[in-house]
N, C-alpha and C. Protein backbone atom coordinates (compact mmCIF):
# COMPACT_ATOMS: atom_id res chain seq x y z
N MET A 1 8.64 -1.06 -21.74
CA MET A 1 7.30 -1.17 -20.97
C MET A 1 6.67 0.29 -20.78
N HIS A 2 5.28 0.52 -20.67
CA HIS A 2 4.75 1.69 -20.64
C HIS A 2 3.95 1.60 -19.01
N ILE A 3 4.43 1.87 -18.19
CA ILE A 3 3.97 1.60 -16.48
C ILE A 3 3.13 2.82 -16.27
N TYR A 4 1.86 2.03 -15.57
CA TYR A 4 1.06 3.38 -14.91
C TYR A 4 0.96 3.39 -13.79
N PHE A 5 1.19 4.65 -12.91
CA PHE A 5 1.13 4.47 -11.56
C PHE A 5 -0.67 5.11 -11.14
N LEU A 6 -1.06 4.31 -10.49
CA LEU A 6 -2.28 4.76 -9.54
C LEU A 6 -1.90 5.25 -8.01
N GLN A 7 -2.02 6.62 -8.11
CA GLN A 7 -1.39 7.09 -7.04
C GLN A 7 -2.57 7.69 -6.13
N HIS A 8 -3.09 7.65 -4.95
CA HIS A 8 -4.09 7.63 -3.64
C HIS A 8 -3.94 8.77 -2.83
N SER A 9 -2.88 9.05 -2.81
CA SER A 9 -2.47 10.46 -1.76
C SER A 9 -0.90 10.88 -2.21
N PRO A 10 -1.13 12.74 -2.33
CA PRO A 10 -0.21 13.76 -2.59
C PRO A 10 1.25 13.14 -1.90
N LEU A 11 1.03 12.29 -0.49
CA LEU A 11 2.35 11.99 0.73
C LEU A 11 2.66 10.64 0.09
N PHE A 12 2.23 10.00 -0.84
CA PHE A 12 2.89 8.73 -1.69
C PHE A 12 3.01 9.13 -2.98
N PRO A 13 3.44 9.74 -3.53
CA PRO A 13 4.39 9.81 -4.74
C PRO A 13 5.05 8.69 -5.35
N PRO A 14 5.02 8.85 -6.56
CA PRO A 14 6.20 7.24 -7.26
C PRO A 14 7.49 7.52 -6.82
N GLY A 15 7.68 8.43 -6.45
CA GLY A 15 9.41 8.91 -6.23
C GLY A 15 10.05 8.21 -6.80
N ARG A 16 11.40 7.20 -5.65
CA ARG A 16 12.49 6.76 -7.04
C ARG A 16 11.80 5.94 -8.24
N LEU A 17 10.66 5.13 -7.86
CA LEU A 17 10.19 4.30 -8.99
C LEU A 17 10.10 5.01 -10.16
N ALA A 18 9.45 6.40 -10.41
CA ALA A 18 9.86 6.89 -11.65
C ALA A 18 11.27 7.04 -12.33
N ASP A 19 11.89 7.36 -11.32
CA ASP A 19 13.39 7.51 -11.92
C ASP A 19 14.11 6.16 -12.24
N TRP A 20 13.40 5.22 -11.63
CA TRP A 20 14.12 4.10 -12.14
C TRP A 20 13.62 3.16 -13.09
N LEU A 21 12.47 3.52 -13.86
CA LEU A 21 11.85 3.51 -14.37
C LEU A 21 12.09 4.34 -16.08
N GLN A 22 12.33 5.52 -15.53
CA GLN A 22 12.95 6.17 -16.94
C GLN A 22 14.42 5.64 -17.25
N GLY A 23 15.27 5.49 -16.17
CA GLY A 23 16.70 4.89 -16.22
C GLY A 23 16.84 4.11 -16.81
N MET A 24 15.87 3.26 -16.95
CA MET A 24 15.63 1.57 -17.51
C MET A 24 15.39 1.50 -18.71
N GLY A 25 14.71 2.89 -19.08
CA GLY A 25 14.09 2.83 -20.67
C GLY A 25 12.95 2.73 -20.65
N HIS A 26 11.82 2.41 -19.70
CA HIS A 26 10.61 2.09 -19.74
C HIS A 26 9.85 4.06 -19.73
N SER A 27 8.77 4.04 -20.27
CA SER A 27 8.07 4.98 -19.60
C SER A 27 7.22 4.85 -18.68
N HIS A 28 6.00 6.04 -18.15
CA HIS A 28 5.71 5.99 -17.38
C HIS A 28 4.57 7.00 -17.23
N ASN A 29 3.11 7.04 -16.94
CA ASN A 29 2.04 8.09 -16.61
C ASN A 29 1.47 7.66 -15.34
N ARG A 30 0.71 8.46 -14.77
CA ARG A 30 -0.35 8.38 -13.76
C ARG A 30 -1.23 8.74 -13.28
N CYS A 31 -1.79 8.20 -13.01
CA CYS A 31 -3.46 8.36 -12.42
C CYS A 31 -3.91 8.85 -11.01
N ARG A 32 -4.24 10.13 -10.77
CA ARG A 32 -4.11 10.77 -9.71
C ARG A 32 -5.61 10.45 -8.99
N LEU A 33 -6.00 9.53 -8.47
CA LEU A 33 -7.25 8.84 -8.29
C LEU A 33 -7.19 9.85 -6.82
N ASP A 34 -6.48 10.52 -5.88
CA ASP A 34 -6.64 11.08 -5.29
C ASP A 34 -7.66 12.71 -5.40
N GLU A 35 -7.07 12.83 -6.46
CA GLU A 35 -7.78 14.21 -7.45
C GLU A 35 -9.29 13.81 -8.27
N GLY A 36 -9.54 12.59 -8.36
CA GLY A 36 -10.87 12.80 -9.19
C GLY A 36 -10.55 11.90 -10.18
N GLU A 37 -9.29 11.76 -11.25
CA GLU A 37 -8.97 10.98 -12.06
C GLU A 37 -9.65 9.53 -12.31
N LEU A 38 -9.87 9.65 -13.56
CA LEU A 38 -10.22 8.15 -13.75
C LEU A 38 -9.53 7.08 -13.68
N PRO A 39 -9.62 5.73 -13.58
CA PRO A 39 -8.05 4.95 -13.95
C PRO A 39 -8.16 4.72 -15.32
N PRO A 40 -6.94 4.60 -16.33
CA PRO A 40 -6.63 4.65 -17.06
C PRO A 40 -7.41 3.42 -17.80
N PRO A 41 -7.42 3.43 -19.56
CA PRO A 41 -7.79 2.51 -20.13
C PRO A 41 -7.11 1.48 -20.25
N TRP A 42 -7.66 -0.16 -20.58
CA TRP A 42 -6.90 -1.19 -20.31
C TRP A 42 -6.12 -1.21 -21.04
N ASP A 43 -6.14 -0.72 -22.64
CA ASP A 43 -4.76 -0.90 -23.61
C ASP A 43 -3.87 0.45 -23.41
N HIS A 44 -4.07 1.07 -22.61
CA HIS A 44 -3.05 2.26 -22.06
C HIS A 44 -1.62 2.18 -21.07
N PHE A 45 -1.95 0.89 -20.87
CA PHE A 45 -0.53 0.48 -20.06
C PHE A 45 -0.04 -0.77 -20.27
N ASP A 46 1.22 -1.32 -19.79
CA ASP A 46 2.17 -2.53 -19.90
C ASP A 46 2.03 -3.28 -18.68
N GLY A 47 1.78 -2.47 -17.52
CA GLY A 47 1.83 -2.87 -16.42
C GLY A 47 1.44 -1.54 -15.29
N LEU A 48 0.92 -2.25 -13.88
CA LEU A 48 0.64 -1.29 -13.18
C LEU A 48 1.25 -1.11 -11.73
N ILE A 49 1.45 0.02 -11.14
CA ILE A 49 2.12 0.15 -9.79
C ILE A 49 0.64 0.91 -8.82
N LEU A 50 0.35 0.24 -8.27
CA LEU A 50 -0.66 0.82 -7.07
C LEU A 50 0.13 1.38 -6.14
N LEU A 51 0.06 2.30 -6.22
CA LEU A 51 0.89 3.18 -4.78
C LEU A 51 0.09 3.33 -3.34
N ASP A 52 0.85 3.73 -2.32
CA ASP A 52 0.06 3.69 -1.05
C ASP A 52 -1.05 4.87 -0.75
N ALA A 53 -2.04 4.60 0.19
CA ALA A 53 -2.87 5.70 0.49
C ALA A 53 -2.81 6.46 1.83
N LEU A 54 -3.52 7.55 2.26
CA LEU A 54 -3.71 8.39 3.58
C LEU A 54 -4.92 8.98 3.62
N GLY A 55 -5.69 8.45 3.62
CA GLY A 55 -7.02 9.34 4.30
C GLY A 55 -8.18 8.77 3.19
N PRO A 56 -9.66 9.15 3.31
CA PRO A 56 -10.22 8.39 2.91
C PRO A 56 -10.26 8.65 1.18
N LEU A 57 -10.88 7.64 0.62
CA LEU A 57 -10.97 7.49 -1.37
C LEU A 57 -12.52 7.42 -1.77
N ASP A 58 -12.51 7.53 -2.98
CA ASP A 58 -13.85 7.94 -3.39
C ASP A 58 -14.14 6.54 -3.88
N PRO A 59 -15.41 6.10 -3.08
CA PRO A 59 -15.76 4.77 -3.70
C PRO A 59 -16.07 4.23 -4.88
N GLN A 60 -16.24 5.54 -5.75
CA GLN A 60 -16.53 4.73 -7.27
C GLN A 60 -15.40 5.03 -7.59
N LEU A 61 -14.53 5.48 -7.43
CA LEU A 61 -13.10 5.59 -8.18
C LEU A 61 -12.23 4.13 -7.48
N LEU A 62 -12.44 3.76 -6.48
CA LEU A 62 -11.91 2.41 -5.57
C LEU A 62 -12.76 1.42 -6.43
N LYS A 63 -13.97 1.32 -6.46
CA LYS A 63 -14.47 0.05 -7.31
C LYS A 63 -14.01 -0.20 -8.95
N ARG A 64 -13.80 1.15 -9.51
CA ARG A 64 -13.34 1.15 -10.77
C ARG A 64 -11.94 0.70 -11.01
N GLU A 65 -10.86 1.25 -9.65
CA GLU A 65 -9.68 0.70 -9.60
C GLU A 65 -9.53 -0.81 -9.17
N ARG A 66 -10.58 -1.24 -8.64
CA ARG A 66 -10.44 -2.86 -7.98
C ARG A 66 -10.90 -3.74 -9.31
N LYS A 67 -11.79 -3.15 -10.10
CA LYS A 67 -12.16 -4.32 -11.45
C LYS A 67 -11.13 -4.23 -12.33
N LEU A 68 -10.19 -2.79 -12.63
CA LEU A 68 -9.45 -2.79 -13.36
C LEU A 68 -7.73 -3.66 -12.62
N LEU A 69 -7.67 -4.08 -11.43
CA LEU A 69 -6.64 -4.56 -10.95
C LEU A 69 -7.16 -6.28 -11.30
N ASP A 70 -8.16 -6.45 -11.17
CA ASP A 70 -8.80 -7.90 -11.46
C ASP A 70 -8.50 -8.06 -12.33
N ARG A 71 -8.83 -7.44 -13.61
CA ARG A 71 -8.76 -7.78 -15.05
C ARG A 71 -6.82 -7.77 -15.18
N ALA A 72 -6.16 -6.94 -14.40
CA ALA A 72 -4.97 -7.02 -14.45
C ALA A 72 -4.50 -8.40 -13.87
N LEU A 73 -4.85 -9.10 -12.68
CA LEU A 73 -4.37 -10.09 -12.26
C LEU A 73 -4.96 -11.51 -12.91
N LYS A 74 -5.84 -11.35 -13.78
CA LYS A 74 -5.94 -12.43 -14.42
C LYS A 74 -5.18 -12.24 -15.95
N SER A 75 -4.92 -11.15 -16.41
CA SER A 75 -3.74 -11.22 -17.08
C SER A 75 -2.39 -11.54 -17.62
N GLY A 76 -1.75 -11.51 -18.46
CA GLY A 76 -0.30 -11.33 -18.27
C GLY A 76 0.66 -10.03 -17.80
N LYS A 77 -0.11 -9.02 -17.62
CA LYS A 77 0.36 -7.81 -17.20
C LYS A 77 1.29 -7.73 -15.76
N PRO A 78 2.37 -7.33 -15.49
CA PRO A 78 2.81 -7.06 -14.21
C PRO A 78 2.15 -6.30 -13.48
N VAL A 79 2.19 -6.49 -11.99
CA VAL A 79 1.46 -5.81 -11.05
C VAL A 79 2.22 -5.61 -9.57
N LEU A 80 2.34 -4.54 -9.61
CA LEU A 80 3.05 -4.56 -8.27
C LEU A 80 2.26 -3.50 -7.51
N GLY A 81 2.23 -4.01 -5.90
CA GLY A 81 1.65 -2.59 -4.94
C GLY A 81 2.35 -2.66 -3.74
N ILE A 82 2.26 -1.59 -3.09
CA ILE A 82 2.86 -0.83 -2.15
C ILE A 82 1.72 -0.20 -1.04
N GLY A 83 1.85 -1.25 0.05
CA GLY A 83 1.06 -0.33 1.21
C GLY A 83 -0.58 -0.71 0.93
N PHE A 84 -1.05 0.47 0.82
CA PHE A 84 -2.66 0.45 0.48
C PHE A 84 -2.83 -0.51 -1.21
N GLY A 85 -1.64 -0.33 -1.88
CA GLY A 85 -1.76 -1.09 -3.17
C GLY A 85 -1.52 -2.38 -3.11
N ALA A 86 -0.60 -3.24 -1.88
CA ALA A 86 -0.21 -4.40 -1.64
C ALA A 86 -1.69 -4.79 -1.15
N ALA A 87 -2.39 -4.43 0.09
CA ALA A 87 -3.75 -5.02 0.24
C ALA A 87 -4.69 -5.11 -0.19
N LEU A 88 -4.91 -4.01 -1.53
CA LEU A 88 -5.63 -4.46 -2.68
C LEU A 88 -5.56 -5.90 -3.55
N ILE A 89 -4.05 -6.12 -3.89
CA ILE A 89 -4.26 -7.04 -4.47
C ILE A 89 -3.85 -8.03 -3.53
N ALA A 90 -3.64 -8.04 -2.07
CA ALA A 90 -3.93 -9.74 -1.53
C ALA A 90 -5.61 -9.87 -1.35
N GLU A 91 -6.57 -8.53 -1.13
CA GLU A 91 -7.80 -8.46 -1.20
C GLU A 91 -8.58 -8.99 -2.24
N ALA A 92 -7.61 -8.79 -3.64
CA ALA A 92 -8.08 -9.31 -4.83
C ALA A 92 -7.80 -10.93 -5.00
N LEU A 93 -7.00 -11.23 -4.34
CA LEU A 93 -6.30 -12.49 -4.33
C LEU A 93 -7.13 -13.37 -2.97
N GLY A 94 -7.79 -12.94 -2.34
CA GLY A 94 -8.59 -13.94 -1.34
C GLY A 94 -8.28 -13.61 -0.20
N SER A 95 -7.39 -13.07 0.22
CA SER A 95 -6.69 -12.37 1.66
C SER A 95 -7.49 -11.36 2.02
N ILE A 96 -7.84 -11.80 3.79
CA ILE A 96 -8.38 -11.03 4.75
C ILE A 96 -7.54 -9.46 5.03
N VAL A 97 -7.72 -7.96 4.99
CA VAL A 97 -7.17 -7.29 4.90
C VAL A 97 -7.57 -6.67 6.41
N SER A 98 -6.88 -6.52 7.51
CA SER A 98 -7.51 -6.30 8.85
C SER A 98 -6.42 -4.90 9.25
N PRO A 99 -7.22 -4.43 10.85
CA PRO A 99 -5.89 -3.34 11.18
C PRO A 99 -5.29 -3.71 12.08
N ALA A 100 -3.89 -3.62 11.92
CA ALA A 100 -3.00 -4.18 12.35
C ALA A 100 -2.75 -4.14 14.22
N VAL A 101 -2.31 -5.16 15.12
CA VAL A 101 -2.21 -4.72 16.52
C VAL A 101 -1.26 -3.76 16.81
N GLU A 102 -0.34 -3.83 15.88
CA GLU A 102 0.65 -2.82 16.09
C GLU A 102 1.03 -2.15 14.75
N PRO A 103 0.57 -0.86 14.58
CA PRO A 103 0.76 0.03 13.06
C PRO A 103 2.40 0.08 13.00
N GLU A 104 2.72 -0.01 12.21
CA GLU A 104 4.53 0.17 11.78
C GLU A 104 4.88 1.73 11.20
N ARG A 105 5.30 2.23 11.36
CA ARG A 105 5.89 3.51 11.25
C ARG A 105 7.35 3.74 11.57
N GLY A 106 8.21 3.66 10.50
CA GLY A 106 9.44 4.33 10.63
C GLY A 106 10.60 3.41 9.90
N TRP A 107 11.53 3.06 10.44
CA TRP A 107 12.95 2.15 10.34
C TRP A 107 12.08 0.80 11.11
N ARG A 108 12.50 -0.12 10.11
CA ARG A 108 12.34 -1.73 10.47
C ARG A 108 13.03 -2.38 10.10
N THR A 109 13.55 -3.48 10.89
CA THR A 109 14.40 -4.70 9.98
C THR A 109 13.64 -5.80 9.27
N LEU A 110 13.66 -5.70 8.09
CA LEU A 110 12.33 -6.98 7.50
C LEU A 110 14.10 -8.42 7.18
N THR A 111 13.32 -9.55 7.59
CA THR A 111 13.80 -10.94 7.49
C THR A 111 13.24 -11.17 6.67
N LEU A 112 14.03 -11.75 5.18
CA LEU A 112 13.69 -12.49 4.16
C LEU A 112 13.18 -13.73 4.62
N ASP A 113 12.40 -14.13 3.97
CA ASP A 113 11.61 -15.44 4.16
C ASP A 113 12.29 -16.73 3.44
N PRO A 114 12.58 -17.68 4.20
CA PRO A 114 13.42 -18.73 3.16
C PRO A 114 12.92 -19.04 1.65
N ALA A 115 11.06 -18.96 1.88
CA ALA A 115 10.48 -19.18 0.70
C ALA A 115 10.29 -18.01 -0.24
N SER A 116 11.19 -17.07 0.02
CA SER A 116 10.82 -15.96 -0.68
C SER A 116 11.61 -16.29 -2.07
N PRO A 117 11.09 -15.66 -3.38
CA PRO A 117 12.03 -15.80 -4.61
C PRO A 117 12.73 -14.96 -4.78
N LEU A 118 12.80 -13.73 -4.33
CA LEU A 118 12.99 -12.46 -4.54
C LEU A 118 15.03 -12.47 -4.21
N ASP A 119 15.86 -12.28 -4.69
CA ASP A 119 17.16 -11.92 -4.68
C ASP A 119 17.05 -10.54 -3.73
N LEU A 120 16.87 -10.57 -2.30
CA LEU A 120 17.48 -9.46 -1.48
C LEU A 120 18.13 -10.14 -0.11
N PRO A 121 19.01 -9.32 0.03
CA PRO A 121 19.30 -9.36 1.54
C PRO A 121 18.58 -10.24 2.57
N GLU A 122 19.29 -10.84 3.36
CA GLU A 122 18.60 -12.18 4.48
C GLU A 122 17.94 -11.24 5.63
N HIS A 123 18.71 -9.95 5.92
CA HIS A 123 18.31 -9.01 6.56
C HIS A 123 18.75 -7.72 5.77
N PHE A 124 17.39 -6.24 6.05
CA PHE A 124 17.46 -5.51 5.70
C PHE A 124 16.60 -4.38 6.51
N ASP A 125 17.07 -2.94 6.48
CA ASP A 125 16.42 -2.07 6.94
C ASP A 125 15.23 -1.34 5.62
N ALA A 126 13.94 -1.42 6.23
CA ALA A 126 12.94 -0.50 5.04
C ALA A 126 12.20 0.23 5.81
N LEU A 127 11.79 1.32 5.29
CA LEU A 127 10.87 2.55 5.75
C LEU A 127 9.53 1.80 5.69
N LEU A 128 8.94 1.46 6.63
CA LEU A 128 7.26 1.11 7.12
C LEU A 128 6.35 2.13 7.12
N TRP A 129 5.22 2.22 6.59
CA TRP A 129 4.19 3.42 7.08
C TRP A 129 2.89 2.80 7.22
N HIS A 130 2.71 1.76 7.70
CA HIS A 130 1.00 1.20 7.34
C HIS A 130 0.52 1.18 8.91
N GLY A 131 -0.98 0.85 8.25
CA GLY A 131 -1.64 0.45 10.06
C GLY A 131 -2.46 -1.09 9.68
N ASP A 132 -2.87 -1.52 8.36
CA ASP A 132 -3.19 -2.98 7.71
C ASP A 132 -2.16 -3.81 8.01
N ILE A 133 -2.93 -5.02 8.16
CA ILE A 133 -2.05 -6.42 7.77
C ILE A 133 -3.15 -7.04 6.90
N PHE A 134 -2.67 -8.15 6.28
CA PHE A 134 -2.95 -8.95 5.26
C PHE A 134 -2.42 -10.05 5.33
N GLY A 135 -3.14 -11.59 5.07
CA GLY A 135 -2.48 -12.63 4.87
C GLY A 135 -1.89 -12.84 3.90
N LEU A 136 -1.61 -14.10 3.90
CA LEU A 136 -0.72 -14.76 2.58
C LEU A 136 -1.74 -15.36 1.56
N PRO A 137 -1.75 -15.09 0.40
CA PRO A 137 -2.67 -15.22 -0.54
C PRO A 137 -2.84 -16.87 -0.97
N ASP A 138 -3.56 -17.75 -1.22
CA ASP A 138 -3.52 -19.16 -1.90
C ASP A 138 -2.01 -18.95 -3.14
N ASP A 139 -1.41 -19.58 -3.17
CA ASP A 139 -0.17 -20.17 -4.16
C ASP A 139 0.69 -18.62 -4.14
N ALA A 140 0.80 -17.78 -3.07
CA ALA A 140 1.77 -16.59 -3.07
C ALA A 140 3.21 -17.08 -2.38
N LEU A 141 4.03 -16.80 -2.64
CA LEU A 141 5.32 -16.77 -1.89
C LEU A 141 5.85 -15.76 -0.78
N PRO A 142 5.91 -15.56 0.31
CA PRO A 142 6.15 -14.64 1.46
C PRO A 142 7.26 -13.75 1.00
N LEU A 143 7.59 -12.69 0.67
CA LEU A 143 8.36 -11.90 1.32
C LEU A 143 9.19 -12.26 2.06
N GLY A 144 9.08 -11.66 3.24
CA GLY A 144 9.51 -11.31 4.69
C GLY A 144 9.19 -11.30 5.69
N ARG A 145 9.44 -10.79 6.69
CA ARG A 145 8.37 -10.56 8.28
C ARG A 145 9.30 -9.55 9.05
N THR A 146 8.63 -8.64 10.06
CA THR A 146 9.54 -8.11 11.17
C THR A 146 9.02 -8.89 12.09
N SER A 147 9.38 -8.30 13.41
CA SER A 147 9.12 -8.37 14.71
C SER A 147 7.83 -8.82 15.01
N ALA A 148 6.84 -7.54 14.13
CA ALA A 148 5.37 -6.98 14.75
C ALA A 148 4.46 -7.81 13.78
N SER A 149 4.81 -8.09 12.61
CA SER A 149 4.19 -8.55 11.08
C SER A 149 4.72 -9.78 10.56
N PRO A 150 4.02 -10.72 10.45
CA PRO A 150 4.49 -11.89 9.64
C PRO A 150 4.29 -12.18 8.43
N VAL A 151 3.71 -11.15 7.80
CA VAL A 151 3.58 -10.96 6.49
C VAL A 151 3.91 -9.50 5.92
N GLN A 152 5.02 -9.37 5.35
CA GLN A 152 5.35 -7.97 4.92
C GLN A 152 5.20 -8.03 3.35
N GLY A 153 4.80 -9.04 2.65
CA GLY A 153 4.46 -8.72 1.42
C GLY A 153 4.75 -10.00 0.85
N PHE A 154 4.00 -10.32 -0.61
CA PHE A 154 4.38 -11.33 -0.93
C PHE A 154 4.46 -11.50 -2.65
N VAL A 155 5.31 -12.61 -3.13
CA VAL A 155 5.43 -12.63 -4.56
C VAL A 155 3.97 -13.81 -5.24
N TRP A 156 3.51 -13.54 -6.12
CA TRP A 156 1.90 -14.09 -7.34
C TRP A 156 2.39 -14.57 -8.50
N ASP A 157 2.16 -15.73 -8.83
CA ASP A 157 2.07 -15.91 -10.26
C ASP A 157 3.77 -15.84 -10.67
N ARG A 158 4.53 -16.74 -10.32
CA ARG A 158 6.40 -16.48 -10.70
C ARG A 158 6.56 -15.31 -10.51
N GLY A 159 6.12 -14.65 -9.90
CA GLY A 159 7.11 -12.65 -9.84
C GLY A 159 6.09 -12.20 -10.27
N ARG A 160 5.09 -12.07 -11.18
CA ARG A 160 4.48 -11.19 -12.15
C ARG A 160 3.84 -10.01 -11.40
N VAL A 161 3.84 -10.55 -10.18
CA VAL A 161 2.31 -9.76 -9.24
C VAL A 161 3.73 -9.64 -7.55
N VAL A 162 4.00 -8.49 -7.45
CA VAL A 162 4.47 -8.63 -6.21
C VAL A 162 3.52 -7.20 -5.01
N ALA A 163 3.43 -7.38 -4.01
CA ALA A 163 2.88 -6.69 -3.13
C ALA A 163 4.17 -6.59 -1.82
N MET A 164 4.00 -5.40 -1.51
CA MET A 164 4.91 -5.14 -0.01
C MET A 164 4.75 -3.90 0.41
N GLN A 165 4.75 -3.84 1.60
CA GLN A 165 4.52 -2.86 2.85
C GLN A 165 5.35 -2.22 2.52
N CYS A 166 6.99 -2.31 2.75
CA CYS A 166 7.92 -1.15 2.75
C CYS A 166 7.70 -0.48 1.80
N HIS A 167 8.19 0.46 2.34
CA HIS A 167 8.19 1.97 0.98
C HIS A 167 9.86 1.95 0.33
N LEU A 168 10.43 1.15 -0.38
CA LEU A 168 11.62 1.35 -1.10
C LEU A 168 11.74 2.67 -1.67
N GLU A 169 10.47 2.86 -2.07
CA GLU A 169 10.42 4.00 -3.19
C GLU A 169 10.74 5.64 -2.79
N LEU A 170 10.46 5.53 -1.02
CA LEU A 170 10.47 7.14 -0.78
C LEU A 170 11.98 7.38 -0.77
N THR A 171 12.06 9.02 -1.15
CA THR A 171 12.99 9.69 -0.67
C THR A 171 13.27 10.41 0.72
N ALA A 172 14.06 10.93 1.32
CA ALA A 172 13.89 11.77 2.44
C ALA A 172 13.38 12.76 2.09
N ASN A 173 13.01 13.26 0.99
CA ASN A 173 12.22 14.60 1.03
C ASN A 173 10.83 14.15 1.19
N ASP A 174 10.31 13.05 0.43
CA ASP A 174 9.14 12.40 0.74
C ASP A 174 8.77 12.13 2.26
N ALA A 175 9.86 11.15 2.89
CA ALA A 175 9.65 11.19 4.39
C ALA A 175 9.42 11.86 5.06
N GLN A 176 9.81 13.49 5.08
CA GLN A 176 10.37 14.68 5.78
C GLN A 176 8.63 15.33 5.57
N ALA A 177 7.82 15.20 4.29
CA ALA A 177 6.35 15.54 4.01
C ALA A 177 5.60 14.52 5.04
N LEU A 178 5.65 13.54 4.82
CA LEU A 178 4.96 12.84 5.63
C LEU A 178 5.24 13.03 7.07
N CYS A 179 6.29 13.11 7.65
CA CYS A 179 6.33 13.57 8.87
C CYS A 179 5.39 14.75 9.04
N ALA A 180 5.77 16.00 8.27
CA ALA A 180 5.20 17.18 8.25
C ALA A 180 3.47 16.98 9.02
N GLN A 181 2.74 15.93 8.50
CA GLN A 181 1.44 15.69 8.72
C GLN A 181 1.57 14.92 10.29
N ASP A 182 2.43 14.83 10.97
CA ASP A 182 2.19 14.28 12.38
C ASP A 182 3.65 14.70 12.75
N ALA A 183 3.58 15.80 13.56
CA ALA A 183 4.83 16.49 13.81
C ALA A 183 5.17 15.60 15.57
N THR A 184 3.96 15.24 15.92
CA THR A 184 4.12 14.31 17.08
C THR A 184 4.80 13.06 17.12
N LEU A 185 4.58 12.81 15.67
CA LEU A 185 5.04 11.29 15.62
C LEU A 185 6.87 10.82 16.07
N GLU A 186 6.86 10.20 17.28
CA GLU A 186 8.04 9.96 17.69
C GLU A 186 9.09 9.47 16.64
N ALA A 187 8.14 8.48 15.59
CA ALA A 187 9.22 7.92 15.19
C ALA A 187 10.20 8.82 13.61
N CYS A 188 9.51 10.11 13.82
CA CYS A 188 9.85 10.88 12.58
C CYS A 188 11.64 11.28 12.88
N ASP A 189 11.52 11.58 14.33
CA ASP A 189 13.11 11.94 14.62
C ASP A 189 14.41 10.54 13.83
N ASP A 190 14.10 9.55 14.38
CA ASP A 190 14.74 8.43 13.74
C ASP A 190 14.67 8.08 12.51
N LEU A 191 13.67 8.62 11.74
CA LEU A 191 13.33 8.75 10.46
C LEU A 191 14.31 9.19 9.32
N LEU A 192 14.52 10.81 10.10
CA LEU A 192 15.24 11.73 9.27
C LEU A 192 16.64 11.62 9.47
N ALA A 193 17.22 10.66 10.52
CA ALA A 193 18.59 11.19 11.15
C ALA A 193 19.56 10.90 10.41
N ASP A 194 19.41 9.59 9.69
CA ASP A 194 20.26 9.57 8.50
C ASP A 194 19.89 9.45 7.03
N PRO A 195 20.13 10.01 6.47
CA PRO A 195 19.84 10.21 5.05
C PRO A 195 20.58 8.73 3.92
N ARG A 196 21.49 8.46 4.74
CA ARG A 196 21.78 7.35 4.06
C ARG A 196 21.17 5.74 3.95
N ARG A 197 20.03 6.44 4.86
CA ARG A 197 19.45 4.89 4.91
C ARG A 197 18.39 5.12 3.56
N PHE A 198 18.03 6.33 3.21
CA PHE A 198 17.18 6.14 2.00
C PHE A 198 18.14 5.54 0.55
N ASP A 199 19.65 5.80 0.86
CA ASP A 199 20.61 5.76 -0.66
C ASP A 199 20.30 3.98 -0.75
N ARG A 200 20.72 3.20 0.82
CA ARG A 200 20.56 2.16 0.88
C ARG A 200 19.28 1.18 0.00
N GLN A 201 17.82 2.16 0.48
CA GLN A 201 16.99 1.87 -0.11
C GLN A 201 16.73 1.91 -1.79
N ALA A 202 17.65 2.82 -2.02
CA ALA A 202 17.23 2.86 -3.40
C ALA A 202 18.07 1.56 -4.01
N ALA A 203 19.26 0.97 -3.03
CA ALA A 203 19.90 0.15 -3.76
C ALA A 203 19.23 -1.30 -3.99
N LEU A 204 18.16 -1.55 -2.71
CA LEU A 204 16.88 -2.36 -2.60
C LEU A 204 16.30 -2.49 -3.60
N LEU A 205 15.55 -1.33 -4.03
CA LEU A 205 14.79 -1.17 -4.78
C LEU A 205 15.23 -1.14 -6.11
N ASP A 206 16.24 -1.11 -6.94
CA ASP A 206 16.78 -1.26 -8.11
C ASP A 206 17.15 -3.06 -8.11
N ARG A 207 17.17 -3.69 -7.32
CA ARG A 207 17.35 -5.33 -7.44
C ARG A 207 15.90 -5.92 -7.34
N LEU A 208 15.17 -5.15 -6.62
CA LEU A 208 13.54 -5.53 -6.62
C LEU A 208 12.75 -5.12 -7.99
N MET A 209 13.16 -4.23 -8.53
CA MET A 209 12.07 -3.63 -9.76
C MET A 209 12.85 -4.52 -11.06
N SER A 210 14.22 -4.99 -11.03
CA SER A 210 14.98 -5.65 -12.07
C SER A 210 14.24 -7.15 -12.09
N GLN A 211 13.77 -7.64 -10.48
CA GLN A 211 13.54 -8.86 -10.97
C GLN A 211 12.05 -8.86 -11.20
N TRP A 212 11.22 -7.94 -10.84
CA TRP A 212 9.79 -7.62 -11.05
C TRP A 212 9.69 -7.86 -12.83
N LEU A 213 10.09 -6.69 -13.36
CA LEU A 213 10.22 -6.74 -14.90
C LEU A 213 10.74 -7.32 -15.67
N ASP A 214 11.82 -8.63 -15.02
CA ASP A 214 12.30 -9.46 -15.91
C ASP A 214 11.66 -10.82 -16.66
């Protein structure tokens, strides 16, 4: 399959996602929306991955992205969204996206929802970096929850569409770049304290991606 990344910020690159796709024999490309690139034509990809965002986005490019996403959701192509990308999917499926009472940045323990169709541990640590929350769309199955957010993502259309807040794709170097944007962030000390946490995330990402593209 040929997967297209829609990137909204230099601080949220494809990370381990690109390595995973290449290792499994898939090809990939990316559109740098944050640099003014137009979303790809419909026939240039077999699946979409919408990455997270930080900072303002071009309204016209965002409008084009939403139209492309709507078409993808109505098709049979797989779609995965992370952070802002997950919120775009939730919004397109009719959910309300709103600011979180308690933004989550750093390592959090996620509890897998009993209704989740994903084969993931019942409890696992993941990197979160979001200030918005969204509700569960109609006909979607919840991914899991944290103590601060009851909906950390969802699966829709029998697993073809996955939306999640957690950043399983980020490496330790990616996290360090994020922290460099806010040196006063208390979460950064804990975030970078144990590099092995990022290796454990890689194993979770492998399990999730295998199920998404199955």
